[in-house]
Amino acid sequence: MNQPDVAAYRCRCAQFVLAITPPLSNLPRRNASIQSVPSIVVPRNDAQCQLIIKADRDRQSTNLSRKDGKDEPWFIYRCPRCNLAVAYDTSDKDVAYTYILESALLKMDIH
């Protein structure tokens, strides 16, 4: 049986934060006409995309303005070591997508 490749990512402070298949470089980017913050779209209900995120998720949302003027709730994931925002969900329940902040994580070499 063929095992998918797992990519690992760390925060800028070197804390392990994410293991995912496929690598983030293979996933789509969020439409820049909606949100100006560059984000990678991770589908949560896709059998081909599995992830483990080791970050603390805010209990309360932070409302951010979209380019269309609407507010969007962000439930932010933060690095457990340095508290840097690394990802977010736009819903509290039944999350269809998690968005990884494009510049927050660095790929780790796994041997």
PDB file of N, CA and C in Angstrom:
ATOM      1  N   MET A   1       0.833  -1.181   0.000  1.00  0.00           N
ATOM      2  CA  MET A   1       0.000   0.000   0.000  1.00  0.00           C
ATOM      3  C   MET A   1       0.876   1.243   0.000  1.00  0.00           C
ATOM      4  N   ASN A   2       0.552   2.186  -0.846  1.00  0.00           N
ATOM      5  CA  ASN A   2       1.317   3.409  -0.982  1.00  0.00           C
ATOM      6  C   ASN A   2       0.956   4.389   0.117  1.00  0.00           C
ATOM      7  N   GLN A   3       1.924   4.828   0.907  1.00  0.00           N
ATOM      8  CA  GLN A   3       1.698   5.807   1.962  1.00  0.00           C
ATOM      9  C   GLN A   3       1.937   7.203   1.395  1.00  0.00           C
ATOM     10  N   PRO A   4       1.043   8.148   1.670  1.00  0.00           N
ATOM     11  CA  PRO A   4       1.263   9.505   1.181  1.00  0.00           C
ATOM     12  C   PRO A   4       2.424  10.171   1.922  1.00  0.00           C
ATOM     13  N   ASP A   5       3.084  11.093   1.242  1.00  0.00           N
ATOM     14  CA  ASP A   5       4.161  11.849   1.864  1.00  0.00           C
ATOM     15  C   ASP A   5       3.574  12.850   2.851  1.00  0.00           C
ATOM     16  N   VAL A   6       4.182  12.911   4.002  1.00  0.00           N
ATOM     17  CA  VAL A   6       3.753  13.848   5.038  1.00  0.00           C
ATOM     18  C   VAL A   6       4.775  14.981   5.086  1.00  0.00           C
ATOM     19  N   ALA A   7       4.269  16.201   5.047  1.00  0.00           N
ATOM     20  CA  ALA A   7       5.128  17.372   5.161  1.00  0.00           C
ATOM     21  C   ALA A   7       4.955  17.939   6.564  1.00  0.00           C
ATOM     22  N   ALA A   8       6.051  18.389   7.153  1.00  0.00           N
ATOM     23  CA  ALA A   8       6.022  18.967   8.505  1.00  0.00           C
ATOM     24  C   ALA A   8       6.446  20.421   8.420  1.00  0.00           C
ATOM     25  N   TYR A   9       5.804  21.234   9.262  1.00  0.00           N
ATOM     26  CA  TYR A   9       6.076  22.668   9.273  1.00  0.00           C
ATOM     27  C   TYR A   9       6.256  23.144  10.709  1.00  0.00           C
ATOM     28  N   ARG A  10       7.076  24.169  10.847  1.00  0.00           N
ATOM     29  CA  ARG A  10       7.348  24.734  12.162  1.00  0.00           C
ATOM     30  C   ARG A  10       7.054  26.230  12.117  1.00  0.00           C
ATOM     31  N   CYS A  11       6.835  26.769  13.289  1.00  0.00           N
ATOM     32  CA  CYS A  11       6.691  28.212  13.455  1.00  0.00           C
ATOM     33  C   CYS A  11       8.068  28.850  13.268  1.00  0.00           C
ATOM     34  N   ARG A  12       8.092  30.134  13.133  1.00  0.00           N
ATOM     35  CA  ARG A  12       9.359  30.856  13.006  1.00  0.00           C
ATOM     36  C   ARG A  12      10.227  30.735  14.251  1.00  0.00           C
ATOM     37  N   CYS A  13       9.609  30.401  15.394  1.00  0.00           N
ATOM     38  CA  CYS A  13      10.369  30.209  16.637  1.00  0.00           C
ATOM     39  C   CYS A  13      10.916  28.786  16.763  1.00  0.00           C
ATOM     40  N   ALA A  14      10.697  27.944  15.762  1.00  0.00           N
ATOM     41  CA  ALA A  14      11.174  26.557  15.675  1.00  0.00           C
ATOM     42  C   ALA A  14      10.233  25.533  16.296  1.00  0.00           C
ATOM     43  N   GLN A  15       9.097  25.942  16.827  1.00  0.00           N
ATOM     44  CA  GLN A  15       8.117  25.016  17.401  1.00  0.00           C
ATOM     45  C   GLN A  15       7.404  24.246  16.284  1.00  0.00           C
ATOM     46  N   PHE A  16       7.362  22.909  16.389  1.00  0.00           N
ATOM     47  CA  PHE A  16       6.581  22.104  15.451  1.00  0.00           C
ATOM     48  C   PHE A  16       5.110  22.496  15.571  1.00  0.00           C
ATOM     49  N   VAL A  17       4.448  22.733  14.426  1.00  0.00           N
ATOM     50  CA  VAL A  17       3.057  23.174  14.440  1.00  0.00           C
ATOM     51  C   VAL A  17       2.151  22.327  13.553  1.00  0.00           C
ATOM     52  N   LEU A  18       2.642  21.845  12.409  1.00  0.00           N
ATOM     53  CA  LEU A  18       1.748  21.231  11.435  1.00  0.00           C
ATOM     54  C   LEU A  18       2.383  20.040  10.733  1.00  0.00           C
ATOM     55  N   ALA A  19       1.605  18.965  10.628  1.00  0.00           N
ATOM     56  CA  ALA A  19       1.944  17.836   9.757  1.00  0.00           C
ATOM     57  C   ALA A  19       0.761  17.690   8.811  1.00  0.00           C
ATOM     58  N   ILE A  20       1.039  17.564   7.525  1.00  0.00           N
ATOM     59  CA  ILE A  20      -0.042  17.557   6.541  1.00  0.00           C
ATOM     60  C   ILE A  20       0.346  16.754   5.303  1.00  0.00           C
ATOM     61  N   THR A  21      -0.646  16.161   4.710  1.00  0.00           N
ATOM     62  CA  THR A  21      -0.506  15.553   3.400  1.00  0.00           C
ATOM     63  C   THR A  21      -1.685  16.013   2.565  1.00  0.00           C
ATOM     64  N   PRO A  22      -1.488  16.609   1.450  1.00  0.00           N
ATOM     65  CA  PRO A  22      -0.250  16.893   0.719  1.00  0.00           C
ATOM     66  C   PRO A  22       0.470  18.126   1.292  1.00  0.00           C
ATOM     67  N   PRO A  23       1.679  18.418   0.766  1.00  0.00           N
ATOM     68  CA  PRO A  23       2.398  19.614   1.220  1.00  0.00           C
ATOM     69  C   PRO A  23       1.593  20.883   0.933  1.00  0.00           C
ATOM     70  N   LEU A  24       1.829  21.911   1.712  1.00  0.00           N
ATOM     71  CA  LEU A  24       1.119  23.177   1.517  1.00  0.00           C
ATOM     72  C   LEU A  24       1.307  23.742   0.114  1.00  0.00           C
ATOM     73  N   SER A  25       2.461  23.495  -0.489  1.00  0.00           N
ATOM     74  CA  SER A  25       2.730  24.018  -1.840  1.00  0.00           C
ATOM     75  C   SER A  25       1.777  23.432  -2.881  1.00  0.00           C
ATOM     76  N   ASN A  26       1.125  22.308  -2.585  1.00  0.00           N
ATOM     77  CA  ASN A  26       0.193  21.684  -3.522  1.00  0.00           C
ATOM     78  C   ASN A  26      -1.257  22.118  -3.315  1.00  0.00           C
ATOM     79  N   LEU A  27      -1.515  22.930  -2.310  1.00  0.00           N
ATOM     80  CA  LEU A  27      -2.882  23.336  -1.989  1.00  0.00           C
ATOM     81  C   LEU A  27      -3.180  24.724  -2.566  1.00  0.00           C
ATOM     82  N   PRO A  28      -4.466  25.002  -2.808  1.00  0.00           N
ATOM     83  CA  PRO A  28      -4.835  26.300  -3.397  1.00  0.00           C
ATOM     84  C   PRO A  28      -4.670  27.449  -2.409  1.00  0.00           C
ATOM     85  N   ARG A  29      -4.591  28.642  -2.967  1.00  0.00           N
ATOM     86  CA  ARG A  29      -4.517  29.865  -2.170  1.00  0.00           C
ATOM     87  C   ARG A  29      -5.910  30.483  -2.097  1.00  0.00           C
ATOM     88  N   ARG A  30      -6.184  31.161  -0.999  1.00  0.00           N
ATOM     89  CA  ARG A  30      -7.475  31.839  -0.847  1.00  0.00           C
ATOM     90  C   ARG A  30      -7.550  33.000  -1.820  1.00  0.00           C
ATOM     91  N   ASN A  31      -8.716  33.200  -2.361  1.00  0.00           N
ATOM     92  CA  ASN A  31      -8.945  34.241  -3.347  1.00  0.00           C
ATOM     93  C   ASN A  31      -8.591  35.609  -2.755  1.00  0.00           C
ATOM     94  N   ALA A  32      -7.634  36.283  -3.364  1.00  0.00           N
ATOM     95  CA  ALA A  32      -7.158  37.576  -2.858  1.00  0.00           C
ATOM     96  C   ALA A  32      -8.209  38.666  -2.993  1.00  0.00           C
ATOM     97  N   SER A  33      -9.235  38.455  -3.809  1.00  0.00           N
ATOM     98  CA  SER A  33     -10.285  39.460  -3.936  1.00  0.00           C
ATOM     99  C   SER A  33     -11.238  39.430  -2.738  1.00  0.00           C
ATOM    100  N   ILE A  34     -11.163  38.367  -1.917  1.00  0.00           N
ATOM    101  CA  ILE A  34     -12.002  38.256  -0.723  1.00  0.00           C
ATOM    102  C   ILE A  34     -11.250  38.769   0.504  1.00  0.00           C
ATOM    103  N   GLN A  35     -10.055  38.258   0.707  1.00  0.00           N
ATOM    104  CA  GLN A  35      -9.279  38.574   1.904  1.00  0.00           C
ATOM    105  C   GLN A  35      -7.859  38.910   1.479  1.00  0.00           C
ATOM    106  N   SER A  36      -7.334  40.016   1.964  1.00  0.00           N
ATOM    107  CA  SER A  36      -6.005  40.463   1.537  1.00  0.00           C
ATOM    108  C   SER A  36      -4.865  39.753   2.263  1.00  0.00           C
ATOM    109  N   VAL A  37      -5.190  38.931   3.251  1.00  0.00           N
ATOM    110  CA  VAL A  37      -4.160  38.194   3.974  1.00  0.00           C
ATOM    111  C   VAL A  37      -3.872  36.896   3.205  1.00  0.00           C
ATOM    112  N   PRO A  38      -2.651  36.726   2.667  1.00  0.00           N
ATOM    113  CA  PRO A  38      -2.340  35.524   1.893  1.00  0.00           C
ATOM    114  C   PRO A  38      -2.484  34.260   2.748  1.00  0.00           C
ATOM    115  N   SER A  39      -3.356  33.350   2.296  1.00  0.00           N
ATOM    116  CA  SER A  39      -3.658  32.144   3.062  1.00  0.00           C
ATOM    117  C   SER A  39      -3.762  30.938   2.151  1.00  0.00           C
ATOM    118  N   ILE A  40      -3.393  29.791   2.689  1.00  0.00           N
ATOM    119  CA  ILE A  40      -3.473  28.517   1.978  1.00  0.00           C
ATOM    120  C   ILE A  40      -4.720  27.795   2.470  1.00  0.00           C
ATOM    121  N   VAL A  41      -5.511  27.282   1.531  1.00  0.00           N
ATOM    122  CA  VAL A  41      -6.782  26.640   1.849  1.00  0.00           C
ATOM    123  C   VAL A  41      -6.566  25.148   2.095  1.00  0.00           C
ATOM    124  N   VAL A  42      -6.932  24.687   3.286  1.00  0.00           N
ATOM    125  CA  VAL A  42      -6.823  23.273   3.638  1.00  0.00           C
ATOM    126  C   VAL A  42      -8.235  22.719   3.816  1.00  0.00           C
ATOM    127  N   PRO A  43      -8.686  21.847   2.895  1.00  0.00           N
ATOM    128  CA  PRO A  43     -10.029  21.259   3.045  1.00  0.00           C
ATOM    129  C   PRO A  43     -10.045  20.271   4.203  1.00  0.00           C
ATOM    130  N   ARG A  44     -11.006  20.418   5.093  1.00  0.00           N
ATOM    131  CA  ARG A  44     -11.063  19.567   6.280  1.00  0.00           C
ATOM    132  C   ARG A  44     -11.830  18.267   6.044  1.00  0.00           C
ATOM    133  N   ASN A  45     -12.647  18.205   5.005  1.00  0.00           N
ATOM    134  CA  ASN A  45     -13.467  17.016   4.754  1.00  0.00           C
ATOM    135  C   ASN A  45     -13.013  16.261   3.515  1.00  0.00           C
ATOM    136  N   ASP A  46     -11.736  16.295   3.222  1.00  0.00           N
ATOM    137  CA  ASP A  46     -11.173  15.644   2.051  1.00  0.00           C
ATOM    138  C   ASP A  46     -10.264  14.505   2.520  1.00  0.00           C
ATOM    139  N   ALA A  47     -10.585  13.285   2.122  1.00  0.00           N
ATOM    140  CA  ALA A  47      -9.802  12.118   2.547  1.00  0.00           C
ATOM    141  C   ALA A  47      -8.360  12.186   2.048  1.00  0.00           C
ATOM    142  N   GLN A  48      -8.113  12.935   0.977  1.00  0.00           N
ATOM    143  CA  GLN A  48      -6.769  13.062   0.427  1.00  0.00           C
ATOM    144  C   GLN A  48      -5.914  14.076   1.188  1.00  0.00           C
ATOM    145  N   CYS A  49      -6.545  14.842   2.052  1.00  0.00           N
ATOM    146  CA  CYS A  49      -5.833  15.877   2.797  1.00  0.00           C
ATOM    147  C   CYS A  49      -6.014  15.626   4.290  1.00  0.00           C
ATOM    148  N   GLN A  50      -4.960  15.183   4.931  1.00  0.00           N
ATOM    149  CA  GLN A  50      -4.980  14.913   6.365  1.00  0.00           C
ATOM    150  C   GLN A  50      -4.023  15.878   7.057  1.00  0.00           C
ATOM    151  N   LEU A  51      -4.445  16.408   8.204  1.00  0.00           N
ATOM    152  CA  LEU A  51      -3.552  17.315   8.908  1.00  0.00           C
ATOM    153  C   LEU A  51      -3.640  17.119  10.407  1.00  0.00           C
ATOM    154  N   ILE A  52      -2.528  17.430  11.044  1.00  0.00           N
ATOM    155  CA  ILE A  52      -2.441  17.508  12.502  1.00  0.00           C
ATOM    156  C   ILE A  52      -1.878  18.893  12.776  1.00  0.00           C
ATOM    157  N   ILE A  53      -2.644  19.697  13.495  1.00  0.00           N
ATOM    158  CA  ILE A  53      -2.189  21.043  13.829  1.00  0.00           C
ATOM    159  C   ILE A  53      -1.990  21.130  15.339  1.00  0.00           C
ATOM    160  N   LYS A  54      -0.788  21.449  15.732  1.00  0.00           N
ATOM    161  CA  LYS A  54      -0.411  21.544  17.142  1.00  0.00           C
ATOM    162  C   LYS A  54      -0.278  23.018  17.511  1.00  0.00           C
ATOM    163  N   ALA A  55      -1.429  23.674  17.592  1.00  0.00           N
ATOM    164  CA  ALA A  55      -1.473  25.087  17.924  1.00  0.00           C
ATOM    165  C   ALA A  55      -2.698  25.333  18.789  1.00  0.00           C
ATOM    166  N   ASP A  56      -2.673  26.414  19.530  1.00  0.00           N
ATOM    167  CA  ASP A  56      -3.784  26.771  20.407  1.00  0.00           C
ATOM    168  C   ASP A  56      -4.783  27.618  19.623  1.00  0.00           C
ATOM    169  N   ARG A  57      -6.061  27.185  19.616  1.00  0.00           N
ATOM    170  CA  ARG A  57      -7.100  27.896  18.869  1.00  0.00           C
ATOM    171  C   ARG A  57      -7.841  28.838  19.817  1.00  0.00           C
ATOM    172  N   ASP A  58      -7.976  30.093  19.395  1.00  0.00           N
ATOM    173  CA  ASP A  58      -8.710  31.070  20.201  1.00  0.00           C
ATOM    174  C   ASP A  58     -10.150  30.597  20.405  1.00  0.00           C
ATOM    175  N   ARG A  59     -10.667  30.792  21.612  1.00  0.00           N
ATOM    176  CA  ARG A  59     -12.062  30.423  21.901  1.00  0.00           C
ATOM    177  C   ARG A  59     -13.038  31.452  21.340  1.00  0.00           C
ATOM    178  N   GLN A  60     -12.619  32.706  21.315  1.00  0.00           N
ATOM    179  CA  GLN A  60     -13.445  33.784  20.784  1.00  0.00           C
ATOM    180  C   GLN A  60     -12.916  34.187  19.412  1.00  0.00           C
ATOM    181  N   SER A  61     -13.828  34.577  18.543  1.00  0.00           N
ATOM    182  CA  SER A  61     -13.406  34.997  17.209  1.00  0.00           C
ATOM    183  C   SER A  61     -12.902  36.433  17.227  1.00  0.00           C
ATOM    184  N   THR A  62     -12.058  36.723  16.259  1.00  0.00           N
ATOM    185  CA  THR A  62     -11.615  38.078  15.963  1.00  0.00           C
ATOM    186  C   THR A  62     -12.262  38.444  14.645  1.00  0.00           C
ATOM    187  N   ASN A  63     -13.015  39.529  14.595  1.00  0.00           N
ATOM    188  CA  ASN A  63     -13.670  39.919  13.350  1.00  0.00           C
ATOM    189  C   ASN A  63     -12.729  40.773  12.520  1.00  0.00           C
ATOM    190  N   LEU A  64     -12.526  40.354  11.269  1.00  0.00           N
ATOM    191  CA  LEU A  64     -11.689  41.087  10.333  1.00  0.00           C
ATOM    192  C   LEU A  64     -12.540  41.516   9.149  1.00  0.00           C
ATOM    193  N   SER A  65     -12.250  42.678   8.608  1.00  0.00           N
ATOM    194  CA  SER A  65     -13.000  43.183   7.457  1.00  0.00           C
ATOM    195  C   SER A  65     -12.458  42.569   6.179  1.00  0.00           C
ATOM    196  N   ARG A  66     -13.394  42.076   5.368  1.00  0.00           N
ATOM    197  CA  ARG A  66     -13.034  41.562   4.054  1.00  0.00           C
ATOM    198  C   ARG A  66     -12.982  42.716   3.060  1.00  0.00           C
ATOM    199  N   LYS A  67     -12.487  42.456   1.877  1.00  0.00           N
ATOM    200  CA  LYS A  67     -12.396  43.493   0.853  1.00  0.00           C
ATOM    201  C   LYS A  67     -13.775  43.972   0.404  1.00  0.00           C
ATOM    202  N   ASP A  68     -14.803  43.115   0.555  1.00  0.00           N
ATOM    203  CA  ASP A  68     -16.157  43.512   0.160  1.00  0.00           C
ATOM    204  C   ASP A  68     -16.874  44.288   1.261  1.00  0.00           C
ATOM    205  N   GLY A  69     -16.170  44.584   2.365  1.00  0.00           N
ATOM    206  CA  GLY A  69     -16.737  45.376   3.441  1.00  0.00           C
ATOM    207  C   GLY A  69     -17.430  44.558   4.526  1.00  0.00           C
ATOM    208  N   LYS A  70     -17.625  43.270   4.307  1.00  0.00           N
ATOM    209  CA  LYS A  70     -18.265  42.415   5.308  1.00  0.00           C
ATOM    210  C   LYS A  70     -17.244  42.010   6.365  1.00  0.00           C
ATOM    211  N   ASP A  71     -17.740  41.793   7.580  1.00  0.00           N
ATOM    212  CA  ASP A  71     -16.875  41.268   8.639  1.00  0.00           C
ATOM    213  C   ASP A  71     -16.825  39.754   8.538  1.00  0.00           C
ATOM    214  N   GLU A  72     -15.674  39.191   8.839  1.00  0.00           N
ATOM    215  CA  GLU A  72     -15.485  37.741   8.808  1.00  0.00           C
ATOM    216  C   GLU A  72     -14.886  37.314  10.144  1.00  0.00           C
ATOM    217  N   PRO A  73     -15.525  36.350  10.827  1.00  0.00           N
ATOM    218  CA  PRO A  73     -14.947  35.884  12.098  1.00  0.00           C
ATOM    219  C   PRO A  73     -13.738  34.986  11.832  1.00  0.00           C
ATOM    220  N   TRP A  74     -12.675  35.206  12.565  1.00  0.00           N
ATOM    221  CA  TRP A  74     -11.497  34.350  12.499  1.00  0.00           C
ATOM    222  C   TRP A  74     -11.283  33.733  13.868  1.00  0.00           C
ATOM    223  N   PHE A  75     -11.241  32.409  13.900  1.00  0.00           N
ATOM    224  CA  PHE A  75     -10.841  31.672  15.094  1.00  0.00           C
ATOM    225  C   PHE A  75      -9.378  31.310  14.857  1.00  0.00           C
ATOM    226  N   ILE A  76      -8.508  32.065  15.473  1.00  0.00           N
ATOM    227  CA  ILE A  76      -7.080  32.021  15.149  1.00  0.00           C
ATOM    228  C   ILE A  76      -6.363  30.913  15.919  1.00  0.00           C
ATOM    229  N   TYR A  77      -5.510  30.168  15.197  1.00  0.00           N
ATOM    230  CA  TYR A  77      -4.599  29.192  15.799  1.00  0.00           C
ATOM    231  C   TYR A  77      -3.281  29.915  16.059  1.00  0.00           C
ATOM    232  N   ARG A  78      -2.732  29.728  17.249  1.00  0.00           N
ATOM    233  CA  ARG A  78      -1.493  30.402  17.631  1.00  0.00           C
ATOM    234  C   ARG A  78      -0.439  29.378  18.059  1.00  0.00           C
ATOM    235  N   CYS A  79       0.795  29.696  17.738  1.00  0.00           N
ATOM    236  CA  CYS A  79       1.914  28.852  18.162  1.00  0.00           C
ATOM    237  C   CYS A  79       1.896  28.747  19.686  1.00  0.00           C
ATOM    238  N   PRO A  80       2.003  27.522  20.224  1.00  0.00           N
ATOM    239  CA  PRO A  80       1.981  27.372  21.682  1.00  0.00           C
ATOM    240  C   PRO A  80       3.228  27.942  22.376  1.00  0.00           C
ATOM    241  N   ARG A  81       4.290  28.160  21.638  1.00  0.00           N
ATOM    242  CA  ARG A  81       5.515  28.697  22.247  1.00  0.00           C
ATOM    243  C   ARG A  81       5.554  30.221  22.202  1.00  0.00           C
ATOM    244  N   CYS A  82       5.340  30.817  21.017  1.00  0.00           N
ATOM    245  CA  CYS A  82       5.534  32.270  20.879  1.00  0.00           C
ATOM    246  C   CYS A  82       4.243  33.053  20.644  1.00  0.00           C
ATOM    247  N   ASN A  83       3.123  32.351  20.496  1.00  0.00           N
ATOM    248  CA  ASN A  83       1.804  32.965  20.332  1.00  0.00           C
ATOM    249  C   ASN A  83       1.585  33.604  18.954  1.00  0.00           C
ATOM    250  N   LEU A  84       2.455  33.345  17.988  1.00  0.00           N
ATOM    251  CA  LEU A  84       2.290  33.864  16.632  1.00  0.00           C
ATOM    252  C   LEU A  84       1.061  33.239  15.983  1.00  0.00           C
ATOM    253  N   ALA A  85       0.250  34.048  15.302  1.00  0.00           N
ATOM    254  CA  ALA A  85      -0.889  33.525  14.548  1.00  0.00           C
ATOM    255  C   ALA A  85      -0.356  32.733  13.358  1.00  0.00           C
ATOM    256  N   VAL A  86      -0.805  31.465  13.214  1.00  0.00           N
ATOM    257  CA  VAL A  86      -0.308  30.598  12.142  1.00  0.00           C
ATOM    258  C   VAL A  86      -1.419  30.114  11.215  1.00  0.00           C
ATOM    259  N   ALA A  87      -2.673  30.160  11.683  1.00  0.00           N
ATOM    260  CA  ALA A  87      -3.782  29.655  10.881  1.00  0.00           C
ATOM    261  C   ALA A  87      -5.093  30.201  11.447  1.00  0.00           C
ATOM    262  N   TYR A  88      -6.192  29.940  10.737  1.00  0.00           N
ATOM    263  CA  TYR A  88      -7.492  30.369  11.236  1.00  0.00           C
ATOM    264  C   TYR A  88      -8.613  29.558  10.594  1.00  0.00           C
ATOM    265  N   ASP A  89      -9.736  29.513  11.287  1.00  0.00           N
ATOM    266  CA  ASP A  89     -10.992  28.983  10.761  1.00  0.00           C
ATOM    267  C   ASP A  89     -11.952  30.159  10.697  1.00  0.00           C
ATOM    268  N   THR A  90     -12.937  30.094   9.799  1.00  0.00           N
ATOM    269  CA  THR A  90     -13.925  31.168   9.703  1.00  0.00           C
ATOM    270  C   THR A  90     -15.262  30.751  10.307  1.00  0.00           C
ATOM    271  N   SER A  91     -15.260  29.622  10.991  1.00  0.00           N
ATOM    272  CA  SER A  91     -16.461  29.124  11.647  1.00  0.00           C
ATOM    273  C   SER A  91     -16.059  28.453  12.955  1.00  0.00           C
ATOM    274  N   ASP A  92     -16.956  28.467  13.906  1.00  0.00           N
ATOM    275  CA  ASP A  92     -16.678  27.828  15.189  1.00  0.00           C
ATOM    276  C   ASP A  92     -16.977  26.336  15.154  1.00  0.00           C
ATOM    277  N   LYS A  93     -17.974  25.942  14.370  1.00  0.00           N
ATOM    278  CA  LYS A  93     -18.388  24.538  14.283  1.00  0.00           C
ATOM    279  C   LYS A  93     -18.474  24.114  12.823  1.00  0.00           C
ATOM    280  N   ASP A  94     -18.411  22.819  12.588  1.00  0.00           N
ATOM    281  CA  ASP A  94     -18.519  22.271  11.225  1.00  0.00           C
ATOM    282  C   ASP A  94     -17.579  22.987  10.253  1.00  0.00           C
ATOM    283  N   VAL A  95     -16.316  23.009  10.596  1.00  0.00           N
ATOM    284  CA  VAL A  95     -15.311  23.712   9.805  1.00  0.00           C
ATOM    285  C   VAL A  95     -15.045  22.945   8.509  1.00  0.00           C
ATOM    286  N   ALA A  96     -15.282  23.611   7.381  1.00  0.00           N
ATOM    287  CA  ALA A  96     -15.031  23.002   6.080  1.00  0.00           C
ATOM    288  C   ALA A  96     -13.585  23.233   5.621  1.00  0.00           C
ATOM    289  N   TYR A  97     -13.019  24.380   6.015  1.00  0.00           N
ATOM    290  CA  TYR A  97     -11.656  24.732   5.614  1.00  0.00           C
ATOM    291  C   TYR A  97     -10.915  25.350   6.797  1.00  0.00           C
ATOM    292  N   THR A  98      -9.627  25.052   6.873  1.00  0.00           N
ATOM    293  CA  THR A  98      -8.724  25.774   7.746  1.00  0.00           C
ATOM    294  C   THR A  98      -7.767  26.503   6.823  1.00  0.00           C
ATOM    295  N   TYR A  99      -7.435  27.719   7.180  1.00  0.00           N
ATOM    296  CA  TYR A  99      -6.564  28.550   6.352  1.00  0.00           C
ATOM    297  C   TYR A  99      -5.234  28.729   7.069  1.00  0.00           C
ATOM    298  N   ILE A 100      -4.161  28.377   6.391  1.00  0.00           N
ATOM    299  CA  ILE A 100      -2.817  28.522   6.942  1.00  0.00           C
ATOM    300  C   ILE A 100      -2.268  29.862   6.466  1.00  0.00           C
ATOM    301  N   LEU A 101      -1.814  30.692   7.383  1.00  0.00           N
ATOM    302  CA  LEU A 101      -1.225  31.975   7.000  1.00  0.00           C
ATOM    303  C   LEU A 101       0.075  31.708   6.259  1.00  0.00           C
ATOM    304  N   GLU A 102       0.142  32.190   5.046  1.00  0.00           N
ATOM    305  CA  GLU A 102       1.192  31.789   4.114  1.00  0.00           C
ATOM    306  C   GLU A 102       2.614  32.009   4.620  1.00  0.00           C
ATOM    307  N   SER A 103       2.895  33.065   5.319  1.00  0.00           N
ATOM    308  CA  SER A 103       4.269  33.348   5.731  1.00  0.00           C
ATOM    309  C   SER A 103       4.574  32.946   7.167  1.00  0.00           C
ATOM    310  N   ALA A 104       3.636  32.304   7.852  1.00  0.00           N
ATOM    311  CA  ALA A 104       3.825  31.999   9.270  1.00  0.00           C
ATOM    312  C   ALA A 104       4.653  30.744   9.531  1.00  0.00           C
ATOM    313  N   LEU A 105       4.608  29.777   8.613  1.00  0.00           N
ATOM    314  CA  LEU A 105       5.256  28.484   8.859  1.00  0.00           C
ATOM    315  C   LEU A 105       6.410  28.229   7.897  1.00  0.00           C
ATOM    316  N   LEU A 106       7.383  27.482   8.371  1.00  0.00           N
ATOM    317  CA  LEU A 106       8.534  27.074   7.566  1.00  0.00           C
ATOM    318  C   LEU A 106       8.558  25.555   7.488  1.00  0.00           C
ATOM    319  N   LYS A 107       8.891  25.043   6.311  1.00  0.00           N
ATOM    320  CA  LYS A 107       8.926  23.592   6.123  1.00  0.00           C
ATOM    321  C   LYS A 107      10.115  22.990   6.870  1.00  0.00           C
ATOM    322  N   MET A 108       9.872  21.826   7.469  1.00  0.00           N
ATOM    323  CA  MET A 108      10.914  21.097   8.187  1.00  0.00           C
ATOM    324  C   MET A 108      11.373  19.924   7.314  1.00  0.00           C
ATOM    325  N   ASP A 109      12.633  19.590   7.410  1.00  0.00           N
ATOM    326  CA  ASP A 109      13.132  18.388   6.745  1.00  0.00           C
ATOM    327  C   ASP A 109      12.875  17.202   7.634  1.00  0.00           C
ATOM    328  N   ILE A 110      12.278  16.153   7.060  1.00  0.00           N
ATOM    329  CA  ILE A 110      12.023  14.914   7.792  1.00  0.00           C
ATOM    330  C   ILE A 110      12.863  13.831   7.129  1.00  0.00           C
ATOM    331  N   HIS A 111      13.626  13.136   7.935  1.00  0.00           N
ATOM    332  CA  HIS A 111      14.483  12.056   7.378  1.00  0.00           C
ATOM    333  C   HIS A 111      14.090  10.724   7.965  1.00  0.00           C
TER     334      HIS A 111
END
